[in-house]
N, C-alpha and C. Protein backbone atom coordinates (compact mmCIF):
# COMPACT_ATOMS: atom_id res chain seq x y z
N MET A 1 -38.55 20.30 4.71
CA MET A 1 -38.30 19.19 3.56
C MET A 1 -39.11 17.96 4.28
N SER A 2 -40.05 17.57 3.51
CA SER A 2 -40.74 16.04 3.54
C SER A 2 -39.94 15.06 3.97
N GLU A 3 -40.36 14.32 4.84
CA GLU A 3 -39.80 12.95 5.14
C GLU A 3 -39.19 12.08 3.93
N LYS A 4 -40.04 12.08 2.84
CA LYS A 4 -39.47 11.55 1.70
C LYS A 4 -38.47 12.39 0.93
N GLY A 5 -38.57 13.56 1.18
CA GLY A 5 -37.45 14.56 0.50
C GLY A 5 -36.11 14.50 1.09
N GLN A 6 -36.07 14.20 2.41
CA GLN A 6 -35.10 13.86 3.27
C GLN A 6 -34.33 12.56 3.32
N ASP A 7 -35.03 11.61 2.74
CA ASP A 7 -34.64 10.19 2.50
C ASP A 7 -33.98 10.31 1.30
N GLN A 8 -34.47 10.93 0.11
CA GLN A 8 -33.74 11.12 -1.10
C GLN A 8 -32.44 11.77 -0.88
N ALA A 9 -32.48 12.93 -0.34
CA ALA A 9 -31.21 13.55 -0.11
C ALA A 9 -30.22 12.76 0.49
N LYS A 10 -30.52 11.82 1.45
CA LYS A 10 -29.45 11.12 2.22
C LYS A 10 -28.96 9.95 1.22
N ILE A 11 -30.04 9.28 0.20
CA ILE A 11 -29.21 8.70 -0.71
C ILE A 11 -28.69 9.19 -1.46
N HIS A 12 -28.70 10.55 -2.05
CA HIS A 12 -27.98 11.25 -2.85
C HIS A 12 -26.53 11.63 -2.40
N ILE A 13 -26.52 11.77 -1.09
CA ILE A 13 -25.17 12.00 -0.49
C ILE A 13 -24.57 10.66 -0.42
N LYS A 14 -25.02 9.61 0.03
CA LYS A 14 -24.43 8.37 0.18
C LYS A 14 -23.94 7.89 -1.33
N GLU A 15 -24.42 8.18 -2.47
CA GLU A 15 -24.15 7.66 -3.58
C GLU A 15 -23.10 8.81 -4.50
N GLN A 16 -22.79 9.94 -3.63
CA GLN A 16 -22.08 10.94 -4.35
C GLN A 16 -20.68 10.30 -4.46
N VAL A 17 -20.13 10.40 -5.62
CA VAL A 17 -18.66 9.84 -5.61
C VAL A 17 -17.56 11.02 -5.26
N LEU A 18 -16.92 10.95 -4.61
CA LEU A 18 -15.82 11.71 -4.05
C LEU A 18 -14.66 11.72 -4.72
N THR A 19 -13.70 12.91 -4.79
CA THR A 19 -12.51 13.07 -5.49
C THR A 19 -11.41 13.40 -4.56
N TYR A 20 -10.33 13.34 -5.01
CA TYR A 20 -9.21 13.57 -4.19
C TYR A 20 -9.44 14.80 -3.49
N ASP A 21 -9.87 16.03 -3.98
CA ASP A 21 -10.03 17.35 -3.30
C ASP A 21 -10.96 16.87 -2.25
N ASP A 22 -12.22 16.28 -2.16
CA ASP A 22 -12.98 16.02 -1.17
C ASP A 22 -11.95 15.34 -0.13
N TYR A 23 -11.43 14.17 -0.50
CA TYR A 23 -10.67 13.59 0.56
C TYR A 23 -9.68 14.54 1.41
N ALA A 24 -9.24 15.39 0.37
CA ALA A 24 -8.04 16.17 1.16
C ALA A 24 -8.53 16.95 2.26
N THR A 25 -9.93 17.47 2.06
CA THR A 25 -10.55 18.18 3.23
C THR A 25 -11.00 17.58 4.45
N ILE A 26 -10.86 16.34 4.41
CA ILE A 26 -11.46 15.41 5.64
C ILE A 26 -10.44 15.48 6.75
N ASN A 27 -10.63 16.14 7.98
CA ASN A 27 -9.84 16.33 8.82
C ASN A 27 -10.49 15.71 10.49
N ASP A 28 -11.05 14.57 10.43
CA ASP A 28 -11.69 14.05 11.60
C ASP A 28 -10.89 13.11 12.44
N GLY A 29 -9.56 13.11 12.33
CA GLY A 29 -8.60 12.30 13.13
C GLY A 29 -8.36 11.05 12.59
N ASN A 30 -9.14 10.41 11.57
CA ASN A 30 -9.17 9.06 10.96
C ASN A 30 -8.38 9.11 9.89
N ARG A 31 -7.91 7.96 9.30
CA ARG A 31 -7.18 7.54 8.31
C ARG A 31 -8.04 7.08 7.38
N TYR A 32 -8.24 7.53 6.05
CA TYR A 32 -8.86 6.80 4.95
C TYR A 32 -8.23 6.73 3.73
N GLU A 33 -8.78 5.85 2.82
CA GLU A 33 -8.47 5.68 1.53
C GLU A 33 -9.67 5.94 0.49
N LEU A 34 -9.47 6.28 -0.49
CA LEU A 34 -10.49 6.47 -1.42
C LEU A 34 -10.31 5.55 -2.67
N ALA A 35 -11.56 4.71 -2.37
CA ALA A 35 -11.62 3.56 -3.45
C ALA A 35 -12.73 3.59 -4.34
N GLY A 36 -12.54 3.91 -5.67
CA GLY A 36 -13.60 4.11 -6.51
C GLY A 36 -14.69 5.32 -6.14
N GLY A 37 -13.84 6.35 -5.54
CA GLY A 37 -14.85 7.62 -5.03
C GLY A 37 -15.61 7.44 -3.73
N LYS A 38 -15.21 6.32 -3.09
CA LYS A 38 -15.93 6.08 -1.66
C LYS A 38 -14.62 5.99 -0.56
N LEU A 39 -15.03 6.63 0.14
CA LEU A 39 -14.11 6.65 1.55
C LEU A 39 -14.19 4.91 2.35
N GLU A 40 -12.64 4.51 2.56
CA GLU A 40 -12.68 3.58 3.38
C GLU A 40 -11.99 3.66 4.64
N LEU A 41 -12.24 3.39 5.60
CA LEU A 41 -11.81 3.99 6.84
C LEU A 41 -10.64 2.81 7.28
N MET A 42 -9.40 3.39 7.50
CA MET A 42 -8.36 2.39 8.07
C MET A 42 -7.94 2.37 9.36
N SER A 43 -8.67 1.52 9.99
CA SER A 43 -8.47 1.29 11.46
C SER A 43 -8.79 -0.19 11.93
N PRO A 44 -8.04 -0.53 13.03
CA PRO A 44 -7.40 0.26 13.86
C PRO A 44 -5.93 0.49 13.70
N ALA A 45 -5.33 1.14 14.27
CA ALA A 45 -4.09 1.35 13.89
C ALA A 45 -3.24 0.08 13.97
N PRO A 46 -1.98 0.01 12.94
CA PRO A 46 -1.41 -1.18 12.80
C PRO A 46 -0.68 -1.46 14.08
N SER A 47 -0.40 -2.99 14.28
CA SER A 47 0.22 -3.40 15.77
C SER A 47 1.76 -3.18 15.70
N VAL A 48 2.12 -3.27 16.81
CA VAL A 48 3.65 -2.87 16.90
C VAL A 48 4.54 -4.00 15.96
N THR A 49 4.11 -5.28 15.81
CA THR A 49 4.79 -5.97 14.93
C THR A 49 4.68 -5.70 13.54
N HIS A 50 3.67 -4.94 13.17
CA HIS A 50 3.30 -4.61 11.72
C HIS A 50 4.50 -3.37 11.46
N GLN A 51 4.46 -2.46 12.44
CA GLN A 51 5.30 -1.18 12.35
C GLN A 51 6.66 -1.68 12.47
N LEU A 52 7.05 -2.81 13.18
CA LEU A 52 8.56 -2.93 13.18
C LEU A 52 8.87 -3.74 11.98
N LEU A 53 8.03 -4.62 11.47
CA LEU A 53 8.38 -5.14 10.00
C LEU A 53 8.56 -3.80 9.24
N SER A 54 7.74 -2.87 9.18
CA SER A 54 7.76 -1.81 8.25
C SER A 54 8.94 -1.38 8.22
N ILE A 55 9.42 -0.94 9.58
CA ILE A 55 10.85 -0.04 9.93
C ILE A 55 11.87 -1.21 9.23
N GLU A 56 11.92 -2.54 9.55
CA GLU A 56 13.07 -3.30 9.15
C GLU A 56 13.20 -2.97 7.79
N MET A 57 12.01 -3.45 6.92
CA MET A 57 11.97 -3.43 5.44
C MET A 57 12.60 -1.95 4.85
N ILE A 58 12.30 -0.96 5.52
CA ILE A 58 12.76 0.24 4.99
C ILE A 58 14.16 0.47 5.39
N LYS A 59 14.70 -0.24 6.50
CA LYS A 59 16.23 -0.27 6.62
C LYS A 59 17.07 -0.98 5.45
N LYS A 60 16.35 -2.18 5.19
CA LYS A 60 16.69 -2.95 4.01
C LYS A 60 16.67 -2.33 2.52
N PHE A 61 15.81 -1.65 2.24
CA PHE A 61 15.56 -0.76 1.11
C PHE A 61 16.54 0.23 1.19
N THR A 62 16.72 0.94 2.23
CA THR A 62 17.78 2.04 2.49
C THR A 62 19.02 1.62 1.96
N GLN A 63 19.63 0.34 2.69
CA GLN A 63 21.01 0.14 2.67
C GLN A 63 21.16 -0.14 0.91
N SER A 64 20.54 -1.00 0.29
CA SER A 64 20.74 -1.28 -0.85
C SER A 64 20.02 -0.41 -2.15
N CYS A 65 19.04 0.25 -1.89
CA CYS A 65 18.41 1.03 -3.00
C CYS A 65 18.42 2.47 -2.94
N GLU A 66 18.66 3.11 -1.70
CA GLU A 66 18.41 4.52 -1.45
C GLU A 66 19.00 5.34 -2.65
N SER A 67 20.07 5.05 -3.36
CA SER A 67 20.60 5.55 -4.27
C SER A 67 19.90 5.70 -5.64
N ASP A 68 19.09 4.80 -5.96
CA ASP A 68 18.34 4.76 -7.21
C ASP A 68 16.83 4.95 -6.80
N TYR A 69 16.32 4.68 -5.51
CA TYR A 69 14.89 4.89 -5.39
C TYR A 69 14.56 5.79 -4.21
N ILE A 70 13.63 6.51 -4.28
CA ILE A 70 12.86 7.29 -3.25
C ILE A 70 12.05 5.94 -2.45
N ILE A 71 12.23 6.17 -1.31
CA ILE A 71 11.54 5.04 -0.17
C ILE A 71 10.55 5.57 0.74
N LEU A 72 9.22 5.50 0.62
CA LEU A 72 8.56 6.11 1.46
C LEU A 72 7.51 5.02 2.27
N ASP A 73 7.11 5.54 3.39
CA ASP A 73 6.15 4.66 4.00
C ASP A 73 4.86 5.40 4.51
N ALA A 74 3.87 4.87 5.04
CA ALA A 74 2.78 5.33 5.45
C ALA A 74 2.77 6.04 6.49
N PRO A 75 1.88 7.08 6.81
CA PRO A 75 0.94 7.38 5.70
C PRO A 75 1.50 8.30 4.55
N ILE A 76 1.02 8.03 3.32
CA ILE A 76 1.67 8.48 1.86
C ILE A 76 0.52 8.32 1.00
N ASP A 77 -0.08 9.27 0.83
CA ASP A 77 -1.27 9.19 -0.48
C ASP A 77 -0.57 8.82 -1.89
N VAL A 78 -1.13 7.90 -2.39
CA VAL A 78 -0.76 7.30 -3.66
C VAL A 78 -2.15 7.38 -4.62
N ILE A 79 -1.78 8.75 -5.39
CA ILE A 79 -3.06 9.21 -6.26
C ILE A 79 -3.05 8.59 -7.48
N LEU A 80 -3.75 7.47 -7.64
CA LEU A 80 -3.78 6.85 -8.96
C LEU A 80 -4.71 7.42 -9.88
N ALA A 81 -5.95 8.17 -9.22
CA ALA A 81 -6.90 8.78 -9.97
C ALA A 81 -7.66 9.75 -9.16
N SER A 82 -8.42 10.54 -9.79
CA SER A 82 -9.17 11.54 -8.88
C SER A 82 -9.86 11.07 -7.94
N THR A 83 -10.58 9.58 -8.14
CA THR A 83 -11.34 8.86 -7.34
C THR A 83 -10.75 7.79 -6.69
N GLU A 84 -9.40 7.69 -6.62
CA GLU A 84 -8.55 6.54 -6.28
C GLU A 84 -7.27 6.95 -5.50
N VAL A 85 -7.42 6.83 -4.39
CA VAL A 85 -6.16 7.13 -3.58
C VAL A 85 -5.98 6.31 -2.53
N ARG A 86 -4.78 5.58 -2.38
CA ARG A 86 -4.26 4.59 -1.50
C ARG A 86 -3.08 4.91 -0.71
N GLN A 87 -3.15 4.05 0.32
CA GLN A 87 -2.03 4.42 1.39
C GLN A 87 -1.22 2.95 1.50
N PRO A 88 -0.38 2.67 0.77
CA PRO A 88 0.42 1.61 0.71
C PRO A 88 1.05 1.73 2.30
N ASP A 89 1.85 0.53 2.94
CA ASP A 89 2.62 0.87 3.83
C ASP A 89 4.20 1.19 3.51
N LEU A 90 4.50 0.72 2.17
CA LEU A 90 5.73 1.09 1.80
C LEU A 90 5.66 1.38 0.07
N VAL A 91 6.54 2.33 -0.31
CA VAL A 91 6.34 2.70 -1.84
C VAL A 91 7.76 2.89 -2.18
N LEU A 92 8.19 2.36 -3.46
CA LEU A 92 9.63 2.64 -3.95
C LEU A 92 9.18 3.55 -5.24
N VAL A 93 9.82 4.69 -5.60
CA VAL A 93 9.73 5.10 -6.81
C VAL A 93 10.88 5.51 -7.44
N HIS A 94 11.42 4.98 -8.69
CA HIS A 94 12.69 5.19 -9.07
C HIS A 94 13.31 6.76 -9.15
N ARG A 95 14.33 7.03 -8.95
CA ARG A 95 14.68 8.52 -9.23
C ARG A 95 14.31 9.07 -10.43
N ASN A 96 14.23 8.32 -11.35
CA ASN A 96 14.28 8.90 -12.80
C ASN A 96 12.83 9.15 -13.19
N ARG A 97 11.94 8.61 -12.28
CA ARG A 97 10.53 9.31 -12.20
C ARG A 97 10.12 9.87 -11.14
N ILE A 98 10.86 10.55 -10.31
CA ILE A 98 10.82 11.56 -9.55
C ILE A 98 9.70 12.80 -9.57
N ASN A 99 9.34 12.69 -11.17
CA ASN A 99 8.05 13.59 -11.53
C ASN A 99 6.90 13.26 -11.07
N ILE A 100 6.67 12.18 -10.60
CA ILE A 100 5.63 11.59 -10.10
C ILE A 100 5.17 12.00 -8.53
N LEU A 101 6.46 12.70 -8.12
CA LEU A 101 6.06 12.91 -6.51
C LEU A 101 5.70 14.39 -6.36
N SER A 102 4.87 14.80 -5.64
CA SER A 102 4.37 16.14 -5.30
C SER A 102 4.21 16.53 -3.72
N LYS A 103 3.82 17.50 -3.71
CA LYS A 103 3.42 17.65 -2.23
C LYS A 103 2.06 17.03 -1.87
N ARG A 104 1.56 16.70 -2.75
CA ARG A 104 0.22 15.93 -2.25
C ARG A 104 0.58 14.30 -2.08
N GLY A 105 1.45 14.21 -2.79
CA GLY A 105 1.87 12.42 -2.44
C GLY A 105 2.50 12.10 -3.81
N VAL A 106 2.26 10.83 -4.11
CA VAL A 106 2.73 9.93 -5.02
C VAL A 106 1.44 10.31 -6.25
N GLU A 107 1.73 10.93 -7.24
CA GLU A 107 0.68 11.00 -8.56
C GLU A 107 0.93 10.00 -9.45
N GLY A 108 0.61 8.98 -9.32
CA GLY A 108 0.74 8.03 -10.48
C GLY A 108 1.39 6.83 -9.91
N PRO A 109 1.47 5.43 -10.82
CA PRO A 109 1.86 4.18 -10.21
C PRO A 109 3.47 4.35 -9.89
N PRO A 110 3.63 4.03 -8.48
CA PRO A 110 5.17 3.71 -8.04
C PRO A 110 5.64 2.38 -8.77
N ASP A 111 6.86 2.40 -8.61
CA ASP A 111 7.40 1.14 -9.23
C ASP A 111 7.37 -0.07 -8.33
N LEU A 112 6.96 -0.16 -6.93
CA LEU A 112 6.47 -1.06 -6.01
C LEU A 112 5.74 -0.53 -4.79
N VAL A 113 4.72 -1.41 -4.45
CA VAL A 113 3.84 -1.25 -3.42
C VAL A 113 3.98 -2.37 -2.55
N VAL A 114 4.07 -2.09 -1.10
CA VAL A 114 4.15 -3.29 -0.19
C VAL A 114 2.99 -3.02 0.78
N GLU A 115 2.16 -4.04 1.06
CA GLU A 115 1.16 -4.00 2.09
C GLU A 115 1.59 -4.85 3.21
N ILE A 116 1.48 -4.60 4.30
CA ILE A 116 1.66 -5.51 5.50
C ILE A 116 0.55 -6.06 5.92
N LEU A 117 -0.17 -7.11 5.93
CA LEU A 117 -1.51 -7.32 6.39
C LEU A 117 -1.83 -7.34 7.92
N SER A 118 -2.77 -6.89 7.97
CA SER A 118 -3.47 -6.74 9.43
C SER A 118 -4.72 -7.40 9.38
N PRO A 119 -5.38 -7.87 10.65
CA PRO A 119 -6.58 -8.71 10.55
C PRO A 119 -7.99 -7.89 9.83
N SER A 120 -7.56 -6.57 10.25
CA SER A 120 -8.87 -5.48 9.39
C SER A 120 -8.42 -5.23 8.07
N THR A 121 -7.15 -5.61 7.66
CA THR A 121 -7.20 -4.92 6.18
C THR A 121 -6.65 -6.56 5.18
N ARG A 122 -6.81 -7.52 5.58
CA ARG A 122 -6.42 -8.85 4.74
C ARG A 122 -7.18 -8.84 3.76
N LYS A 123 -8.53 -8.69 3.79
CA LYS A 123 -9.36 -8.92 2.62
C LYS A 123 -9.11 -7.70 1.39
N ARG A 124 -8.91 -6.65 2.01
CA ARG A 124 -8.94 -5.41 1.08
C ARG A 124 -7.50 -5.49 0.36
N ASP A 125 -6.52 -5.91 1.16
CA ASP A 125 -5.11 -5.95 0.60
C ASP A 125 -4.76 -7.10 -0.40
N LYS A 126 -5.48 -8.25 0.01
CA LYS A 126 -5.35 -9.43 -1.07
C LYS A 126 -6.44 -9.39 -2.12
N ILE A 127 -7.49 -8.87 -2.19
CA ILE A 127 -8.51 -8.76 -3.17
C ILE A 127 -8.60 -7.27 -3.87
N ASP A 128 -9.03 -6.36 -3.24
CA ASP A 128 -9.51 -5.20 -3.56
C ASP A 128 -8.04 -4.42 -3.99
N LYS A 129 -6.94 -4.31 -3.24
CA LYS A 129 -5.98 -3.87 -3.89
C LYS A 129 -4.92 -4.33 -4.67
N LEU A 130 -5.24 -5.59 -4.91
CA LEU A 130 -4.72 -6.28 -5.96
C LEU A 130 -5.10 -6.03 -7.25
N LYS A 131 -6.25 -5.91 -7.13
CA LYS A 131 -7.20 -5.67 -8.59
C LYS A 131 -6.87 -4.11 -8.88
N THR A 132 -7.01 -3.14 -7.80
CA THR A 132 -6.69 -1.94 -8.02
C THR A 132 -5.32 -1.51 -8.51
N TYR A 133 -4.24 -2.29 -7.73
CA TYR A 133 -2.86 -1.79 -8.23
C TYR A 133 -2.70 -2.03 -9.72
N SER A 134 -3.16 -3.50 -9.99
CA SER A 134 -3.14 -3.80 -11.29
C SER A 134 -3.61 -3.05 -12.50
N TYR A 135 -4.84 -2.81 -12.16
CA TYR A 135 -5.80 -1.76 -13.21
C TYR A 135 -4.94 -0.54 -13.39
N TYR A 136 -4.34 0.09 -12.16
CA TYR A 136 -3.33 1.32 -12.55
C TYR A 136 -2.00 1.27 -12.92
N GLY A 137 -1.62 0.01 -13.15
CA GLY A 137 -0.39 -0.37 -13.80
C GLY A 137 0.75 -0.33 -12.90
N ILE A 138 0.62 -0.49 -11.53
CA ILE A 138 2.02 -0.75 -10.66
C ILE A 138 2.57 -2.13 -11.01
N PRO A 139 3.84 -2.05 -11.41
CA PRO A 139 4.69 -3.25 -12.05
C PRO A 139 4.94 -4.36 -11.09
N GLU A 140 4.80 -3.87 -9.55
CA GLU A 140 5.13 -4.86 -8.89
C GLU A 140 4.50 -4.47 -7.46
N TYR A 141 3.79 -5.51 -6.57
CA TYR A 141 3.04 -5.57 -5.48
C TYR A 141 3.64 -6.74 -4.66
N TRP A 142 3.99 -6.42 -3.43
CA TRP A 142 4.13 -7.50 -2.34
C TRP A 142 3.09 -7.43 -1.17
N ILE A 143 2.81 -8.50 -0.87
CA ILE A 143 2.12 -8.73 0.30
C ILE A 143 2.82 -9.31 1.28
N VAL A 144 2.81 -8.95 2.58
CA VAL A 144 3.62 -9.64 3.49
C VAL A 144 2.93 -10.02 4.74
N ASP A 145 2.87 -11.14 4.96
CA ASP A 145 2.01 -11.66 6.21
C ASP A 145 2.75 -11.86 7.46
N PRO A 146 2.34 -10.91 8.54
CA PRO A 146 3.24 -10.92 9.88
C PRO A 146 3.16 -12.22 10.74
N ALA A 147 1.60 -12.69 10.41
CA ALA A 147 1.48 -13.80 11.35
C ALA A 147 2.54 -15.09 10.69
N ILE A 148 2.83 -15.28 9.75
CA ILE A 148 3.76 -16.39 9.36
C ILE A 148 4.99 -16.00 8.55
N PHE A 149 5.27 -14.84 8.51
CA PHE A 149 6.74 -14.02 8.02
C PHE A 149 6.84 -14.45 6.61
N VAL A 150 6.11 -14.34 5.61
CA VAL A 150 5.93 -14.87 4.25
C VAL A 150 5.75 -13.46 3.41
N LEU A 151 6.27 -13.50 2.38
CA LEU A 151 6.24 -12.29 1.29
C LEU A 151 5.78 -13.14 0.13
N GLU A 152 4.63 -12.51 -0.39
CA GLU A 152 4.04 -12.90 -1.71
C GLU A 152 4.59 -11.76 -2.68
N GLN A 153 4.90 -12.15 -3.84
CA GLN A 153 5.40 -11.09 -4.86
C GLN A 153 4.63 -11.51 -6.02
N PHE A 154 3.98 -10.30 -6.53
CA PHE A 154 3.21 -10.29 -7.53
C PHE A 154 3.75 -9.38 -8.53
N ILE A 155 3.78 -9.70 -9.68
CA ILE A 155 4.52 -8.84 -11.13
C ILE A 155 3.49 -8.68 -12.03
N LEU A 156 3.19 -7.50 -12.48
CA LEU A 156 2.42 -7.34 -13.59
C LEU A 156 2.55 -7.61 -14.62
N GLN A 157 1.80 -8.59 -15.48
CA GLN A 157 2.08 -9.25 -16.77
C GLN A 157 0.77 -9.28 -17.77
N ASN A 158 0.65 -8.41 -18.58
CA ASN A 158 -0.54 -8.64 -19.44
C ASN A 158 -1.57 -8.05 -19.05
N GLU A 159 -1.27 -6.75 -17.91
CA GLU A 159 -2.26 -6.09 -17.09
C GLU A 159 -2.81 -6.77 -16.16
N ARG A 160 -2.29 -7.90 -15.64
CA ARG A 160 -2.91 -8.66 -14.49
C ARG A 160 -1.59 -9.13 -13.77
N TYR A 161 -1.87 -9.13 -12.44
CA TYR A 161 -0.83 -9.79 -11.67
C TYR A 161 -0.68 -11.33 -11.54
N GLU A 162 0.88 -11.59 -11.57
CA GLU A 162 0.72 -12.99 -11.30
C GLU A 162 1.55 -13.23 -10.14
N LEU A 163 1.27 -14.25 -9.24
CA LEU A 163 2.11 -14.52 -8.31
C LEU A 163 3.44 -15.35 -8.67
N ILE A 164 4.48 -14.56 -8.60
CA ILE A 164 5.52 -15.15 -9.16
C ILE A 164 6.66 -15.89 -8.09
N ASN A 165 6.50 -15.53 -6.90
CA ASN A 165 7.15 -16.04 -5.77
C ASN A 165 6.43 -15.97 -4.32
N ILE A 166 6.92 -16.66 -3.52
CA ILE A 166 6.55 -16.75 -2.16
C ILE A 166 8.02 -16.69 -1.34
N PHE A 167 8.55 -15.72 -0.71
CA PHE A 167 9.63 -15.81 0.16
C PHE A 167 9.43 -16.13 1.59
N GLN A 168 10.26 -17.14 2.22
CA GLN A 168 10.10 -17.17 3.46
C GLN A 168 11.62 -17.57 4.04
N ASP A 169 11.57 -17.74 5.65
CA ASP A 169 12.71 -17.88 5.77
C ASP A 169 14.17 -17.37 5.65
N SER A 170 14.99 -18.24 5.00
CA SER A 170 16.54 -17.82 4.46
C SER A 170 16.63 -17.60 2.89
N GLU A 171 15.34 -17.51 2.24
CA GLU A 171 15.46 -17.17 0.79
C GLU A 171 15.69 -15.97 0.57
N ILE A 172 16.50 -15.52 -0.56
CA ILE A 172 16.82 -14.25 -0.69
C ILE A 172 15.93 -13.55 -1.64
N ILE A 173 15.16 -12.61 -1.10
CA ILE A 173 14.23 -11.84 -1.89
C ILE A 173 14.78 -11.02 -2.95
N THR A 174 14.61 -11.32 -4.15
CA THR A 174 15.07 -10.68 -5.17
C THR A 174 13.79 -9.89 -5.89
N SER A 175 13.91 -9.07 -6.92
CA SER A 175 13.06 -8.57 -7.97
C SER A 175 13.52 -8.51 -9.18
N PRO A 176 12.74 -8.90 -10.41
CA PRO A 176 12.89 -8.74 -11.55
C PRO A 176 12.86 -7.42 -12.03
N ASN A 177 12.25 -6.38 -11.58
CA ASN A 177 12.34 -4.97 -11.71
C ASN A 177 13.06 -4.14 -10.84
N ILE A 178 13.46 -4.36 -9.67
CA ILE A 178 14.11 -3.81 -8.70
C ILE A 178 15.49 -4.38 -8.36
N PRO A 179 16.65 -4.26 -9.06
CA PRO A 179 17.75 -5.22 -9.01
C PRO A 179 18.46 -5.21 -7.49
N CYS A 180 18.36 -4.01 -6.97
CA CYS A 180 18.97 -3.47 -5.66
C CYS A 180 18.66 -4.29 -4.66
N ILE A 181 17.17 -4.98 -4.65
CA ILE A 181 16.62 -5.60 -3.57
C ILE A 181 17.27 -6.73 -3.12
N SER A 182 17.85 -7.24 -1.93
CA SER A 182 18.53 -8.35 -1.69
C SER A 182 18.34 -8.63 -0.25
N PHE A 183 17.50 -9.19 0.45
CA PHE A 183 17.54 -9.41 1.82
C PHE A 183 16.36 -10.66 1.99
N THR A 184 16.39 -11.05 3.32
CA THR A 184 15.63 -12.46 3.52
C THR A 184 14.44 -12.04 4.78
N MET A 185 13.39 -12.71 4.72
CA MET A 185 12.45 -12.58 5.77
C MET A 185 13.14 -13.12 7.03
N ALA A 186 14.13 -13.84 7.07
CA ALA A 186 14.94 -14.53 8.32
C ALA A 186 15.44 -13.14 8.87
N GLU A 187 16.21 -12.32 7.98
CA GLU A 187 16.85 -10.90 8.44
C GLU A 187 15.73 -10.10 9.26
N ILE A 188 14.59 -9.84 8.82
CA ILE A 188 13.71 -8.84 9.30
C ILE A 188 13.18 -9.91 10.43
N LEU A 189 13.00 -10.91 10.67
CA LEU A 189 12.43 -11.57 11.86
C LEU A 189 13.36 -11.48 12.96
N ASN A 190 14.64 -11.66 12.48
CA ASN A 190 15.75 -11.62 13.87
C ASN A 190 15.56 -10.32 14.37
N LYS A 191 15.33 -8.98 13.74
CA LYS A 191 15.04 -7.79 14.71
C LYS A 191 13.76 -7.64 15.50
N ILE A 192 12.82 -8.72 15.31
CA ILE A 192 11.68 -8.32 15.69
C ILE A 192 11.67 -9.03 17.34
N PRO A 193 11.46 -8.39 18.52
CA PRO A 193 11.40 -9.28 19.74
C PRO A 193 10.55 -10.32 19.61
N PRO A 194 10.82 -11.35 20.26
CA PRO A 194 10.27 -12.69 19.95
C PRO A 194 8.82 -12.73 20.92
N SER A 195 8.94 -11.84 21.72
CA SER A 195 7.46 -11.62 22.55
C SER A 195 6.55 -10.94 21.38
N LEU A 196 7.07 -10.24 20.41
CA LEU A 196 5.81 -9.99 19.65
C LEU A 196 5.62 -10.69 18.37
N ILE A 197 6.22 -11.79 18.25
CA ILE A 197 5.96 -13.08 17.25
C ILE A 197 4.89 -13.91 17.80
């Protein structure tokens, strides 16, 4: 193949839109998301603080919501379309919608997705995923900032997210969509060793 032909082949490969089936065959030791048919590398691994925050939130969800909701944590594929596969940190799916769960992952919009910010994911979580999750009709999206222990709550209204609350300290976190939720960021913070804050 000529040099020009090789360059054209490379361009074709780069422009190829990947689907879930392509994504599912990748086994190189890395974690990816599929955004608009393009792979996005998820690295480096989350920090210990990030992981502890996630674990403590799972405990809170489990205490009050487990009878009504399936609670899942990363890595879990949320398959929103054949070319859109995301891996939120936490996912809640109401048990009356259990039909969207499959062996592959969550196939459709969950009731709640939670992203815990990392330096490498801040822009993706606050801009790209905000647009993606609203486009695919996820009714509620939380962004948790472990640097300041604040939770931003977005609710889908007229096909767009509205920031309806910012929870911090001892404010009780509630949800207009998920009545079983009730905890505070202070309760979470108290479970994390001071050396990691």
